[in-house]
Amino acid sequence: MVEVFAAKKALRRTMKAVLSALPPAQVSSESARVAQRLLARDDWRAATKVAAFCSMPGEFDTKPILEAAFAARKRVFLPRVENIKKREMVLVEAFSMADVKDFPRSNWGIPEPPRGEARPDALEALVDLVVVPGVAFDGEGGRLGHGAGFYDNWIARADAAAAAAAAARPATVGVCLAAQVLPASESVPREAHDRVLDAVLAPDDEGVHKQ
């Protein structure tokens, strides 16, 4: 476990340097191409309730995905960190791009749904598809997050909620820039609790895990 932890830490450090060197125009172009690939998927087209995320500055840009979801009149749920120590977050409904634009920023510079408002919760709504962020991905659906475990914990809860309601579990699709996909000979360091995604979408076919 110590070796895996160290390997994850080293990979995060490497990926942070790689991402910080990418020109903004490249990030925007690659993010748009990934969005088009997502929109062409059957599970996206069939989904009426989508869990997504707002981007961190300088990383994969989810704006095209969010715009497409609202344009298609899908219900959109976005994350808010509730308790860092307990690795808890909620995903609550956002109603439009204007709504998202007015969200306050977290300590990481990420727009988050405001507190103190009664918004529908994604676990109760039983979302159909989860668009998942990450730092690095591999060709088998492995994902390296930022280390807090928010998504691994939340997806486990979403699966449990679906099982309790005798519903299908949500599809999990990672989205990333080309530089975030590890070479075919490498894998993301993985522990027992780390979730393997159903699919990972990068700008090009090479190195992408497909459901």
N, C-alpha and C. Protein backbone atom coordinates (compact mmCIF):
# COMPACT_ATOMS: atom_id res chain seq x y z
N MET A 1 0.83 -1.20 0.00
CA MET A 1 0.00 0.00 0.00
C MET A 1 0.86 1.25 0.00
N VAL A 2 1.96 1.21 0.76
CA VAL A 2 2.87 2.37 0.81
C VAL A 2 3.46 2.63 -0.56
N GLU A 3 3.83 1.55 -1.27
CA GLU A 3 4.40 1.70 -2.60
C GLU A 3 3.39 2.28 -3.58
N VAL A 4 2.13 1.85 -3.49
CA VAL A 4 1.09 2.36 -4.38
C VAL A 4 0.84 3.84 -4.08
N PHE A 5 0.81 4.19 -2.80
CA PHE A 5 0.60 5.59 -2.42
C PHE A 5 1.71 6.47 -2.99
N ALA A 6 2.94 6.00 -2.88
CA ALA A 6 4.07 6.77 -3.39
C ALA A 6 4.02 6.89 -4.91
N ALA A 7 3.61 5.81 -5.58
CA ALA A 7 3.50 5.83 -7.03
C ALA A 7 2.41 6.81 -7.49
N LYS A 8 1.30 6.82 -6.77
CA LYS A 8 0.23 7.77 -7.10
C LYS A 8 0.70 9.21 -6.92
N LYS A 9 1.40 9.46 -5.83
CA LYS A 9 1.88 10.81 -5.55
C LYS A 9 2.85 11.27 -6.63
N ALA A 10 3.74 10.38 -7.06
CA ALA A 10 4.70 10.73 -8.10
C ALA A 10 4.00 11.00 -9.43
N LEU A 11 2.99 10.18 -9.77
CA LEU A 11 2.28 10.37 -11.02
C LEU A 11 1.48 11.67 -11.00
N ARG A 12 0.88 12.00 -9.87
CA ARG A 12 0.17 13.28 -9.78
C ARG A 12 1.12 14.45 -10.00
N ARG A 13 2.30 14.36 -9.42
CA ARG A 13 3.29 15.44 -9.57
C ARG A 13 3.71 15.58 -11.04
N THR A 14 3.92 14.44 -11.70
CA THR A 14 4.30 14.46 -13.11
C THR A 14 3.19 15.05 -13.98
N MET A 15 1.95 14.61 -13.73
CA MET A 15 0.84 15.08 -14.54
C MET A 15 0.55 16.56 -14.31
N LYS A 16 0.76 17.03 -13.11
CA LYS A 16 0.56 18.45 -12.82
C LYS A 16 1.51 19.29 -13.66
N ALA A 17 2.75 18.85 -13.77
CA ALA A 17 3.73 19.58 -14.58
C ALA A 17 3.36 19.54 -16.06
N VAL A 18 2.90 18.38 -16.52
CA VAL A 18 2.52 18.22 -17.92
C VAL A 18 1.34 19.13 -18.26
N LEU A 19 0.33 19.11 -17.40
CA LEU A 19 -0.88 19.90 -17.66
C LEU A 19 -0.60 21.40 -17.61
N SER A 20 0.25 21.81 -16.70
CA SER A 20 0.55 23.23 -16.57
C SER A 20 1.28 23.79 -17.79
N ALA A 21 1.91 22.90 -18.57
CA ALA A 21 2.66 23.33 -19.76
C ALA A 21 1.79 23.36 -21.02
N LEU A 22 0.56 22.88 -20.95
CA LEU A 22 -0.30 22.84 -22.14
C LEU A 22 -0.84 24.23 -22.46
N PRO A 23 -0.78 24.64 -23.72
CA PRO A 23 -1.37 25.93 -24.11
C PRO A 23 -2.88 25.92 -23.92
N PRO A 24 -3.47 27.01 -23.47
CA PRO A 24 -4.92 27.06 -23.28
C PRO A 24 -5.71 26.70 -24.54
N ALA A 25 -5.20 27.08 -25.70
CA ALA A 25 -5.90 26.75 -26.95
C ALA A 25 -5.97 25.26 -27.17
N GLN A 26 -4.91 24.54 -26.80
CA GLN A 26 -4.90 23.08 -26.94
C GLN A 26 -5.89 22.44 -25.98
N VAL A 27 -5.93 22.94 -24.75
CA VAL A 27 -6.89 22.41 -23.76
C VAL A 27 -8.31 22.60 -24.27
N SER A 28 -8.59 23.78 -24.80
CA SER A 28 -9.94 24.07 -25.30
C SER A 28 -10.30 23.18 -26.48
N SER A 29 -9.36 23.01 -27.42
CA SER A 29 -9.62 22.21 -28.62
C SER A 29 -9.83 20.75 -28.26
N GLU A 30 -8.97 20.19 -27.42
CA GLU A 30 -9.09 18.79 -27.05
C GLU A 30 -10.36 18.54 -26.24
N SER A 31 -10.70 19.46 -25.36
CA SER A 31 -11.92 19.31 -24.55
C SER A 31 -13.15 19.28 -25.46
N ALA A 32 -13.17 20.12 -26.48
CA ALA A 32 -14.30 20.15 -27.40
C ALA A 32 -14.41 18.85 -28.19
N ARG A 33 -13.27 18.27 -28.58
CA ARG A 33 -13.30 17.00 -29.31
C ARG A 33 -13.81 15.87 -28.43
N VAL A 34 -13.40 15.87 -27.17
CA VAL A 34 -13.90 14.85 -26.24
C VAL A 34 -15.41 15.00 -26.04
N ALA A 35 -15.85 16.23 -25.93
CA ALA A 35 -17.29 16.48 -25.76
C ALA A 35 -18.07 15.90 -26.93
N GLN A 36 -17.57 16.05 -28.14
CA GLN A 36 -18.25 15.51 -29.30
C GLN A 36 -18.29 13.98 -29.25
N ARG A 37 -17.23 13.36 -28.78
CA ARG A 37 -17.19 11.91 -28.65
C ARG A 37 -18.21 11.44 -27.61
N LEU A 38 -18.31 12.19 -26.51
CA LEU A 38 -19.29 11.84 -25.48
C LEU A 38 -20.71 11.95 -26.01
N LEU A 39 -20.98 13.03 -26.74
CA LEU A 39 -22.32 13.27 -27.25
C LEU A 39 -22.75 12.22 -28.29
N ALA A 40 -21.78 11.53 -28.87
CA ALA A 40 -22.10 10.50 -29.87
C ALA A 40 -22.38 9.14 -29.24
N ARG A 41 -22.17 9.00 -27.94
CA ARG A 41 -22.35 7.71 -27.27
C ARG A 41 -23.83 7.43 -27.01
N ASP A 42 -24.18 6.17 -27.10
CA ASP A 42 -25.57 5.77 -26.86
C ASP A 42 -25.99 6.06 -25.42
N ASP A 43 -25.07 5.85 -24.45
CA ASP A 43 -25.46 6.06 -23.06
C ASP A 43 -25.69 7.54 -22.76
N TRP A 44 -24.99 8.42 -23.47
CA TRP A 44 -25.26 9.86 -23.32
C TRP A 44 -26.62 10.20 -23.93
N ARG A 45 -26.87 9.72 -25.11
CA ARG A 45 -28.13 10.03 -25.78
C ARG A 45 -29.33 9.53 -24.99
N ALA A 46 -29.16 8.37 -24.36
CA ALA A 46 -30.27 7.78 -23.60
C ALA A 46 -30.47 8.43 -22.23
N ALA A 47 -29.43 9.05 -21.71
CA ALA A 47 -29.48 9.59 -20.35
C ALA A 47 -30.39 10.81 -20.28
N THR A 48 -31.22 10.84 -19.26
CA THR A 48 -32.02 12.04 -18.98
C THR A 48 -31.50 12.79 -17.77
N LYS A 49 -30.67 12.11 -16.96
CA LYS A 49 -30.10 12.71 -15.75
C LYS A 49 -28.60 12.43 -15.74
N VAL A 50 -27.82 13.49 -15.80
CA VAL A 50 -26.37 13.36 -15.95
C VAL A 50 -25.65 14.04 -14.79
N ALA A 51 -24.72 13.33 -14.17
CA ALA A 51 -23.83 13.92 -13.18
C ALA A 51 -22.55 14.33 -13.91
N ALA A 52 -22.14 15.57 -13.76
CA ALA A 52 -20.93 16.05 -14.43
C ALA A 52 -20.10 16.82 -13.42
N PHE A 53 -19.23 17.69 -13.89
CA PHE A 53 -18.41 18.48 -12.97
C PHE A 53 -17.99 19.78 -13.62
N CYS A 54 -17.64 20.74 -12.81
CA CYS A 54 -17.09 22.00 -13.29
C CYS A 54 -15.56 21.91 -13.24
N SER A 55 -14.92 22.49 -14.22
CA SER A 55 -13.48 22.32 -14.38
C SER A 55 -12.66 23.11 -13.38
N MET A 56 -11.51 22.53 -13.05
CA MET A 56 -10.49 23.28 -12.34
C MET A 56 -9.76 24.16 -13.35
N PRO A 57 -9.26 25.32 -12.92
CA PRO A 57 -8.52 26.19 -13.84
C PRO A 57 -7.35 25.46 -14.47
N GLY A 58 -7.22 25.56 -15.81
CA GLY A 58 -6.10 24.98 -16.51
C GLY A 58 -6.23 23.51 -16.85
N GLU A 59 -7.36 22.88 -16.48
CA GLU A 59 -7.53 21.46 -16.77
C GLU A 59 -8.67 21.26 -17.78
N PHE A 60 -9.02 20.01 -18.03
CA PHE A 60 -10.06 19.68 -19.00
C PHE A 60 -11.27 20.59 -18.82
N ASP A 61 -11.77 21.14 -19.92
CA ASP A 61 -12.86 22.12 -19.88
C ASP A 61 -14.19 21.43 -20.14
N THR A 62 -15.06 21.41 -19.14
CA THR A 62 -16.36 20.73 -19.29
C THR A 62 -17.45 21.65 -19.83
N LYS A 63 -17.13 22.90 -20.12
CA LYS A 63 -18.17 23.82 -20.58
C LYS A 63 -18.94 23.28 -21.78
N PRO A 64 -18.28 22.71 -22.82
CA PRO A 64 -19.06 22.18 -23.95
C PRO A 64 -20.01 21.04 -23.54
N ILE A 65 -19.60 20.23 -22.59
CA ILE A 65 -20.45 19.13 -22.13
C ILE A 65 -21.67 19.68 -21.39
N LEU A 66 -21.43 20.64 -20.50
CA LEU A 66 -22.54 21.22 -19.75
C LEU A 66 -23.52 21.95 -20.67
N GLU A 67 -22.98 22.69 -21.63
CA GLU A 67 -23.85 23.40 -22.58
C GLU A 67 -24.71 22.41 -23.37
N ALA A 68 -24.10 21.32 -23.80
CA ALA A 68 -24.85 20.32 -24.57
C ALA A 68 -25.91 19.65 -23.72
N ALA A 69 -25.60 19.39 -22.47
CA ALA A 69 -26.58 18.75 -21.59
C ALA A 69 -27.79 19.64 -21.36
N PHE A 70 -27.55 20.90 -21.08
CA PHE A 70 -28.68 21.82 -20.88
C PHE A 70 -29.46 22.01 -22.18
N ALA A 71 -28.75 22.09 -23.30
CA ALA A 71 -29.43 22.27 -24.59
C ALA A 71 -30.33 21.09 -24.91
N ALA A 72 -29.90 19.89 -24.48
CA ALA A 72 -30.70 18.67 -24.71
C ALA A 72 -31.76 18.47 -23.63
N ARG A 73 -31.86 19.41 -22.72
CA ARG A 73 -32.84 19.38 -21.64
C ARG A 73 -32.66 18.18 -20.72
N LYS A 74 -31.42 17.78 -20.54
CA LYS A 74 -31.11 16.78 -19.54
C LYS A 74 -31.04 17.45 -18.18
N ARG A 75 -31.33 16.70 -17.13
CA ARG A 75 -31.12 17.22 -15.78
C ARG A 75 -29.64 17.05 -15.45
N VAL A 76 -29.04 18.10 -14.93
CA VAL A 76 -27.59 18.12 -14.70
C VAL A 76 -27.31 18.28 -13.21
N PHE A 77 -26.41 17.44 -12.70
CA PHE A 77 -26.06 17.47 -11.28
C PHE A 77 -24.55 17.71 -11.16
N LEU A 78 -24.18 18.65 -10.29
CA LEU A 78 -22.78 19.06 -10.15
C LEU A 78 -22.32 18.96 -8.71
N PRO A 79 -21.03 18.70 -8.50
CA PRO A 79 -20.53 18.39 -7.15
C PRO A 79 -20.26 19.61 -6.27
N ARG A 80 -20.41 19.35 -4.98
CA ARG A 80 -20.01 20.30 -3.93
C ARG A 80 -19.39 19.50 -2.80
N VAL A 81 -18.20 19.88 -2.40
CA VAL A 81 -17.52 19.19 -1.29
C VAL A 81 -18.21 19.59 0.02
N GLU A 82 -18.57 18.57 0.80
CA GLU A 82 -19.24 18.81 2.08
C GLU A 82 -18.28 18.70 3.25
N ASN A 83 -17.40 17.69 3.20
CA ASN A 83 -16.49 17.46 4.31
C ASN A 83 -15.20 16.84 3.77
N ILE A 84 -14.12 17.61 3.80
CA ILE A 84 -12.85 17.13 3.24
C ILE A 84 -12.31 15.95 4.04
N LYS A 85 -12.33 16.05 5.37
CA LYS A 85 -11.77 14.98 6.20
C LYS A 85 -12.52 13.68 6.02
N LYS A 86 -13.82 13.74 5.85
CA LYS A 86 -14.63 12.53 5.68
C LYS A 86 -14.76 12.13 4.21
N ARG A 87 -14.13 12.90 3.32
CA ARG A 87 -14.15 12.63 1.88
C ARG A 87 -15.58 12.57 1.36
N GLU A 88 -16.37 13.52 1.78
CA GLU A 88 -17.78 13.53 1.39
C GLU A 88 -18.07 14.68 0.43
N MET A 89 -18.79 14.36 -0.63
CA MET A 89 -19.32 15.40 -1.51
C MET A 89 -20.73 15.02 -1.90
N VAL A 90 -21.48 16.01 -2.32
CA VAL A 90 -22.82 15.79 -2.86
C VAL A 90 -22.83 16.30 -4.29
N LEU A 91 -23.73 15.78 -5.08
CA LEU A 91 -23.98 16.32 -6.40
C LEU A 91 -25.44 16.76 -6.43
N VAL A 92 -25.64 18.04 -6.67
CA VAL A 92 -26.99 18.59 -6.66
C VAL A 92 -27.29 19.24 -8.00
N GLU A 93 -28.56 19.46 -8.25
CA GLU A 93 -28.98 19.88 -9.58
C GLU A 93 -28.61 21.33 -9.88
N ALA A 94 -28.12 21.54 -11.10
CA ALA A 94 -27.93 22.88 -11.66
C ALA A 94 -28.96 23.04 -12.76
N PHE A 95 -29.44 24.26 -12.95
CA PHE A 95 -30.60 24.44 -13.82
C PHE A 95 -30.30 25.09 -15.16
N SER A 96 -29.14 25.69 -15.32
CA SER A 96 -28.78 26.34 -16.57
C SER A 96 -27.33 26.77 -16.51
N MET A 97 -26.77 27.19 -17.64
CA MET A 97 -25.41 27.72 -17.64
C MET A 97 -25.35 29.02 -16.85
N ALA A 98 -26.43 29.80 -16.88
CA ALA A 98 -26.46 31.04 -16.10
C ALA A 98 -26.42 30.71 -14.61
N ASP A 99 -27.11 29.65 -14.21
CA ASP A 99 -27.07 29.20 -12.83
C ASP A 99 -25.65 28.83 -12.43
N VAL A 100 -24.98 28.04 -13.28
CA VAL A 100 -23.60 27.62 -13.00
C VAL A 100 -22.67 28.82 -12.92
N LYS A 101 -22.86 29.78 -13.79
CA LYS A 101 -22.00 30.97 -13.83
C LYS A 101 -22.06 31.73 -12.51
N ASP A 102 -23.19 31.64 -11.83
CA ASP A 102 -23.36 32.36 -10.56
C ASP A 102 -22.87 31.56 -9.35
N PHE A 103 -22.43 30.33 -9.56
CA PHE A 103 -21.95 29.53 -8.43
C PHE A 103 -20.74 30.20 -7.77
N PRO A 104 -20.66 30.12 -6.44
CA PRO A 104 -19.44 30.58 -5.76
C PRO A 104 -18.28 29.63 -6.07
N ARG A 105 -17.06 30.12 -5.90
CA ARG A 105 -15.87 29.31 -6.17
C ARG A 105 -15.36 28.66 -4.89
N SER A 106 -14.90 27.42 -5.04
CA SER A 106 -14.32 26.70 -3.90
C SER A 106 -12.88 27.16 -3.69
N ASN A 107 -12.23 26.57 -2.69
CA ASN A 107 -10.82 26.89 -2.44
C ASN A 107 -9.92 26.46 -3.59
N TRP A 108 -10.41 25.54 -4.43
CA TRP A 108 -9.66 25.09 -5.60
C TRP A 108 -9.99 25.89 -6.85
N GLY A 109 -10.83 26.91 -6.70
CA GLY A 109 -11.23 27.72 -7.84
C GLY A 109 -12.30 27.09 -8.71
N ILE A 110 -13.00 26.09 -8.16
CA ILE A 110 -14.03 25.38 -8.91
C ILE A 110 -15.40 25.93 -8.56
N PRO A 111 -16.24 26.24 -9.55
CA PRO A 111 -17.61 26.64 -9.23
C PRO A 111 -18.35 25.50 -8.55
N GLU A 112 -18.98 25.79 -7.41
CA GLU A 112 -19.74 24.78 -6.67
C GLU A 112 -21.15 25.29 -6.38
N PRO A 113 -22.14 24.42 -6.43
CA PRO A 113 -23.50 24.83 -6.08
C PRO A 113 -23.52 25.48 -4.70
N PRO A 114 -24.27 26.57 -4.55
CA PRO A 114 -24.29 27.28 -3.27
C PRO A 114 -24.92 26.47 -2.15
N ARG A 115 -24.47 26.72 -0.96
CA ARG A 115 -25.05 26.08 0.22
C ARG A 115 -26.30 26.85 0.64
N GLY A 116 -27.11 26.20 1.43
CA GLY A 116 -28.29 26.88 1.96
C GLY A 116 -29.45 26.94 0.99
N GLU A 117 -29.35 26.21 -0.11
CA GLU A 117 -30.46 26.14 -1.06
C GLU A 117 -30.95 24.70 -1.17
N ALA A 118 -32.24 24.53 -1.30
CA ALA A 118 -32.80 23.19 -1.47
C ALA A 118 -32.76 22.82 -2.95
N ARG A 119 -31.81 21.97 -3.32
CA ARG A 119 -31.68 21.52 -4.70
C ARG A 119 -31.79 19.99 -4.73
N PRO A 120 -32.41 19.43 -5.76
CA PRO A 120 -32.50 17.97 -5.87
C PRO A 120 -31.12 17.32 -5.85
N ASP A 121 -31.03 16.16 -5.21
CA ASP A 121 -29.78 15.44 -5.04
C ASP A 121 -29.67 14.32 -6.06
N ALA A 122 -28.46 14.12 -6.61
CA ALA A 122 -28.25 13.12 -7.65
C ALA A 122 -28.50 11.70 -7.16
N LEU A 123 -28.20 11.40 -5.89
CA LEU A 123 -28.42 10.06 -5.37
C LEU A 123 -29.90 9.73 -5.29
N GLU A 124 -30.71 10.72 -4.98
CA GLU A 124 -32.15 10.50 -4.92
C GLU A 124 -32.75 10.45 -6.33
N ALA A 125 -32.18 11.23 -7.24
CA ALA A 125 -32.69 11.27 -8.61
C ALA A 125 -32.30 10.03 -9.41
N LEU A 126 -31.27 9.30 -8.95
CA LEU A 126 -30.77 8.12 -9.65
C LEU A 126 -30.31 8.49 -11.07
N VAL A 127 -29.17 9.15 -11.15
CA VAL A 127 -28.66 9.60 -12.44
C VAL A 127 -28.33 8.40 -13.34
N ASP A 128 -28.36 8.65 -14.64
CA ASP A 128 -28.10 7.60 -15.62
C ASP A 128 -26.62 7.49 -15.98
N LEU A 129 -25.92 8.61 -15.92
CA LEU A 129 -24.54 8.64 -16.40
C LEU A 129 -23.73 9.62 -15.56
N VAL A 130 -22.49 9.24 -15.25
CA VAL A 130 -21.59 10.09 -14.48
C VAL A 130 -20.37 10.42 -15.32
N VAL A 131 -20.15 11.69 -15.58
CA VAL A 131 -18.96 12.16 -16.28
C VAL A 131 -17.90 12.42 -15.21
N VAL A 132 -16.78 11.69 -15.28
CA VAL A 132 -15.84 11.64 -14.17
C VAL A 132 -14.52 12.34 -14.52
N PRO A 133 -14.05 13.23 -13.64
CA PRO A 133 -12.75 13.86 -13.86
C PRO A 133 -11.60 12.98 -13.38
N GLY A 134 -10.39 13.38 -13.67
CA GLY A 134 -9.24 12.65 -13.17
C GLY A 134 -7.94 13.35 -13.53
N VAL A 135 -6.88 12.88 -12.93
CA VAL A 135 -5.55 13.41 -13.21
C VAL A 135 -4.89 12.60 -14.31
N ALA A 136 -5.06 11.27 -14.27
CA ALA A 136 -4.49 10.38 -15.28
C ALA A 136 -5.41 9.17 -15.44
N PHE A 137 -5.35 8.56 -16.63
CA PHE A 137 -6.18 7.40 -16.93
C PHE A 137 -5.34 6.39 -17.70
N ASP A 138 -5.77 5.12 -17.67
CA ASP A 138 -5.09 4.12 -18.48
C ASP A 138 -6.08 3.43 -19.41
N GLY A 139 -5.57 2.53 -20.25
CA GLY A 139 -6.39 1.90 -21.27
C GLY A 139 -7.37 0.87 -20.76
N GLU A 140 -7.35 0.57 -19.47
CA GLU A 140 -8.27 -0.40 -18.88
C GLU A 140 -9.36 0.27 -18.05
N GLY A 141 -9.46 1.58 -18.15
CA GLY A 141 -10.46 2.30 -17.36
C GLY A 141 -9.97 2.71 -15.99
N GLY A 142 -8.68 2.50 -15.71
CA GLY A 142 -8.12 2.95 -14.44
C GLY A 142 -8.03 4.46 -14.38
N ARG A 143 -8.26 5.00 -13.20
CA ARG A 143 -8.30 6.45 -13.02
C ARG A 143 -7.50 6.85 -11.79
N LEU A 144 -6.71 7.90 -11.93
CA LEU A 144 -6.04 8.52 -10.79
C LEU A 144 -6.69 9.86 -10.52
N GLY A 145 -7.25 10.02 -9.31
CA GLY A 145 -7.85 11.28 -8.94
C GLY A 145 -6.84 12.17 -8.22
N HIS A 146 -7.36 13.18 -7.57
CA HIS A 146 -6.48 14.11 -6.85
C HIS A 146 -6.09 13.60 -5.47
N GLY A 147 -6.65 12.47 -5.05
CA GLY A 147 -6.20 11.85 -3.81
C GLY A 147 -7.16 11.93 -2.65
N ALA A 148 -8.26 12.66 -2.80
CA ALA A 148 -9.20 12.79 -1.68
C ALA A 148 -10.23 11.67 -1.63
N GLY A 149 -10.42 10.97 -2.74
CA GLY A 149 -11.36 9.85 -2.76
C GLY A 149 -12.82 10.24 -2.91
N PHE A 150 -13.09 11.49 -3.27
CA PHE A 150 -14.47 11.94 -3.36
C PHE A 150 -15.28 11.11 -4.36
N TYR A 151 -14.73 10.92 -5.55
CA TYR A 151 -15.49 10.23 -6.59
C TYR A 151 -15.62 8.74 -6.34
N ASP A 152 -14.57 8.10 -5.87
CA ASP A 152 -14.68 6.67 -5.56
C ASP A 152 -15.78 6.44 -4.53
N ASN A 153 -15.81 7.28 -3.51
CA ASN A 153 -16.83 7.16 -2.46
C ASN A 153 -18.23 7.44 -3.01
N TRP A 154 -18.33 8.51 -3.80
CA TRP A 154 -19.66 8.90 -4.28
C TRP A 154 -20.22 7.87 -5.26
N ILE A 155 -19.38 7.36 -6.18
CA ILE A 155 -19.86 6.37 -7.13
C ILE A 155 -20.32 5.10 -6.43
N ALA A 156 -19.62 4.72 -5.37
CA ALA A 156 -20.05 3.56 -4.59
C ALA A 156 -21.43 3.80 -3.99
N ARG A 157 -21.67 5.00 -3.51
CA ARG A 157 -22.98 5.34 -2.95
C ARG A 157 -24.05 5.37 -4.05
N ALA A 158 -23.69 5.84 -5.23
CA ALA A 158 -24.64 5.88 -6.35
C ALA A 158 -25.02 4.47 -6.77
N ASP A 159 -24.04 3.56 -6.80
CA ASP A 159 -24.34 2.17 -7.12
C ASP A 159 -25.27 1.55 -6.08
N ALA A 160 -25.02 1.86 -4.81
CA ALA A 160 -25.86 1.33 -3.73
C ALA A 160 -27.28 1.87 -3.83
N ALA A 161 -27.41 3.16 -4.15
CA ALA A 161 -28.73 3.76 -4.28
C ALA A 161 -29.50 3.12 -5.44
N ALA A 162 -28.81 2.85 -6.53
CA ALA A 162 -29.46 2.21 -7.67
C ALA A 162 -29.90 0.79 -7.32
N ALA A 163 -29.03 0.05 -6.61
CA ALA A 163 -29.37 -1.31 -6.22
C ALA A 163 -30.58 -1.33 -5.30
N ALA A 164 -30.63 -0.38 -4.36
CA ALA A 164 -31.75 -0.32 -3.43
C ALA A 164 -33.07 -0.03 -4.13
N ALA A 165 -32.98 0.70 -5.24
CA ALA A 165 -34.18 1.04 -6.00
C ALA A 165 -34.44 0.06 -7.13
N ALA A 166 -33.65 -1.01 -7.20
CA ALA A 166 -33.75 -2.00 -8.27
C ALA A 166 -33.63 -1.35 -9.64
N ALA A 167 -32.73 -0.37 -9.71
CA ALA A 167 -32.48 0.35 -10.96
C ALA A 167 -31.08 0.02 -11.48
N ALA A 168 -30.84 0.33 -12.73
CA ALA A 168 -29.51 0.12 -13.30
C ALA A 168 -28.53 1.11 -12.68
N ARG A 169 -27.32 0.64 -12.40
CA ARG A 169 -26.32 1.55 -11.88
C ARG A 169 -25.92 2.54 -12.97
N PRO A 170 -25.48 3.74 -12.60
CA PRO A 170 -25.10 4.72 -13.63
C PRO A 170 -23.84 4.32 -14.36
N ALA A 171 -23.79 4.62 -15.65
CA ALA A 171 -22.57 4.43 -16.42
C ALA A 171 -21.55 5.48 -15.97
N THR A 172 -20.29 5.09 -15.95
CA THR A 172 -19.22 6.00 -15.53
C THR A 172 -18.27 6.21 -16.70
N VAL A 173 -18.13 7.47 -17.11
CA VAL A 173 -17.30 7.80 -18.27
C VAL A 173 -16.29 8.88 -17.88
N GLY A 174 -15.01 8.54 -17.95
CA GLY A 174 -13.98 9.51 -17.68
C GLY A 174 -13.71 10.35 -18.92
N VAL A 175 -13.38 11.61 -18.72
CA VAL A 175 -13.04 12.51 -19.83
C VAL A 175 -11.68 13.14 -19.54
N CYS A 176 -10.84 13.27 -20.56
CA CYS A 176 -9.50 13.76 -20.31
C CYS A 176 -8.84 14.30 -21.57
N LEU A 177 -7.73 14.98 -21.37
CA LEU A 177 -6.88 15.45 -22.47
C LEU A 177 -5.95 14.32 -22.89
N ALA A 178 -5.39 14.44 -24.08
CA ALA A 178 -4.52 13.39 -24.61
C ALA A 178 -3.35 13.11 -23.67
N ALA A 179 -2.80 14.16 -23.08
CA ALA A 179 -1.62 14.00 -22.21
C ALA A 179 -1.93 13.25 -20.93
N GLN A 180 -3.21 13.09 -20.60
CA GLN A 180 -3.58 12.42 -19.37
C GLN A 180 -3.75 10.91 -19.53
N VAL A 181 -3.65 10.41 -20.75
CA VAL A 181 -3.76 8.97 -21.00
C VAL A 181 -2.37 8.37 -20.95
N LEU A 182 -2.17 7.40 -20.09
CA LEU A 182 -0.86 6.76 -19.97
C LEU A 182 -0.58 5.89 -21.19
N PRO A 183 0.69 5.67 -21.53
CA PRO A 183 1.03 4.76 -22.63
C PRO A 183 0.44 3.37 -22.37
N ALA A 184 0.25 2.61 -23.46
CA ALA A 184 -0.38 1.30 -23.36
C ALA A 184 0.38 0.36 -22.43
N SER A 185 1.67 0.58 -22.27
CA SER A 185 2.49 -0.30 -21.43
C SER A 185 2.40 0.04 -19.95
N GLU A 186 1.70 1.12 -19.61
CA GLU A 186 1.62 1.57 -18.22
C GLU A 186 0.19 1.53 -17.71
N SER A 187 0.05 1.43 -16.39
CA SER A 187 -1.26 1.42 -15.75
C SER A 187 -1.27 2.40 -14.58
N VAL A 188 -2.43 2.93 -14.29
CA VAL A 188 -2.59 3.78 -13.12
C VAL A 188 -2.42 2.93 -11.86
N PRO A 189 -1.62 3.36 -10.89
CA PRO A 189 -1.51 2.61 -9.63
C PRO A 189 -2.89 2.47 -9.00
N ARG A 190 -3.20 1.26 -8.55
CA ARG A 190 -4.58 1.01 -8.11
C ARG A 190 -4.61 0.29 -6.78
N GLU A 191 -5.55 0.73 -5.92
CA GLU A 191 -5.84 0.06 -4.66
C GLU A 191 -7.23 -0.56 -4.75
N ALA A 192 -7.59 -1.34 -3.75
CA ALA A 192 -8.85 -2.08 -3.79
C ALA A 192 -10.06 -1.17 -3.94
N HIS A 193 -10.00 0.04 -3.35
CA HIS A 193 -11.16 0.93 -3.37
C HIS A 193 -11.26 1.76 -4.64
N ASP A 194 -10.22 1.73 -5.49
CA ASP A 194 -10.20 2.56 -6.69
C ASP A 194 -11.16 2.01 -7.73
N ARG A 195 -12.01 2.88 -8.24
CA ARG A 195 -13.05 2.48 -9.19
C ARG A 195 -12.49 2.41 -10.62
N VAL A 196 -12.77 1.32 -11.32
CA VAL A 196 -12.46 1.22 -12.74
C VAL A 196 -13.68 1.72 -13.50
N LEU A 197 -13.47 2.63 -14.44
CA LEU A 197 -14.57 3.27 -15.15
C LEU A 197 -15.05 2.41 -16.32
N ASP A 198 -16.29 2.64 -16.72
CA ASP A 198 -16.84 1.92 -17.86
C ASP A 198 -16.18 2.35 -19.17
N ALA A 199 -15.80 3.61 -19.26
CA ALA A 199 -15.16 4.11 -20.47
C ALA A 199 -14.33 5.34 -20.12
N VAL A 200 -13.31 5.58 -20.92
CA VAL A 200 -12.50 6.79 -20.80
C VAL A 200 -12.40 7.39 -22.19
N LEU A 201 -12.74 8.67 -22.31
CA LEU A 201 -12.71 9.35 -23.59
C LEU A 201 -11.59 10.38 -23.62
N ALA A 202 -10.71 10.25 -24.60
CA ALA A 202 -9.66 11.22 -24.87
C ALA A 202 -9.94 11.80 -26.26
N PRO A 203 -9.16 12.80 -26.69
CA PRO A 203 -9.44 13.42 -27.99
C PRO A 203 -9.31 12.46 -29.17
N ASP A 204 -8.45 11.46 -29.05
CA ASP A 204 -8.24 10.51 -30.14
C ASP A 204 -8.48 9.09 -29.64
N ASP A 205 -8.59 8.15 -30.56
CA ASP A 205 -8.91 6.77 -30.21
C ASP A 205 -7.79 6.08 -29.45
N GLU A 206 -6.56 6.40 -29.77
CA GLU A 206 -5.44 5.65 -29.19
C GLU A 206 -5.40 5.79 -27.69
N GLY A 207 -5.27 4.67 -27.01
CA GLY A 207 -5.12 4.68 -25.56
C GLY A 207 -6.40 4.87 -24.80
N VAL A 208 -7.55 4.76 -25.48
CA VAL A 208 -8.82 5.02 -24.82
C VAL A 208 -9.54 3.71 -24.51
N HIS A 209 -10.05 3.62 -23.32
CA HIS A 209 -10.81 2.45 -22.89
C HIS A 209 -12.27 2.65 -23.30
N LYS A 210 -12.84 1.66 -23.95
CA LYS A 210 -14.23 1.75 -24.38
C LYS A 210 -15.05 0.66 -23.73
N GLN A 211 -16.27 0.99 -23.43
CA GLN A 211 -17.17 0.03 -22.79
C GLN A 211 -17.47 -1.11 -23.74
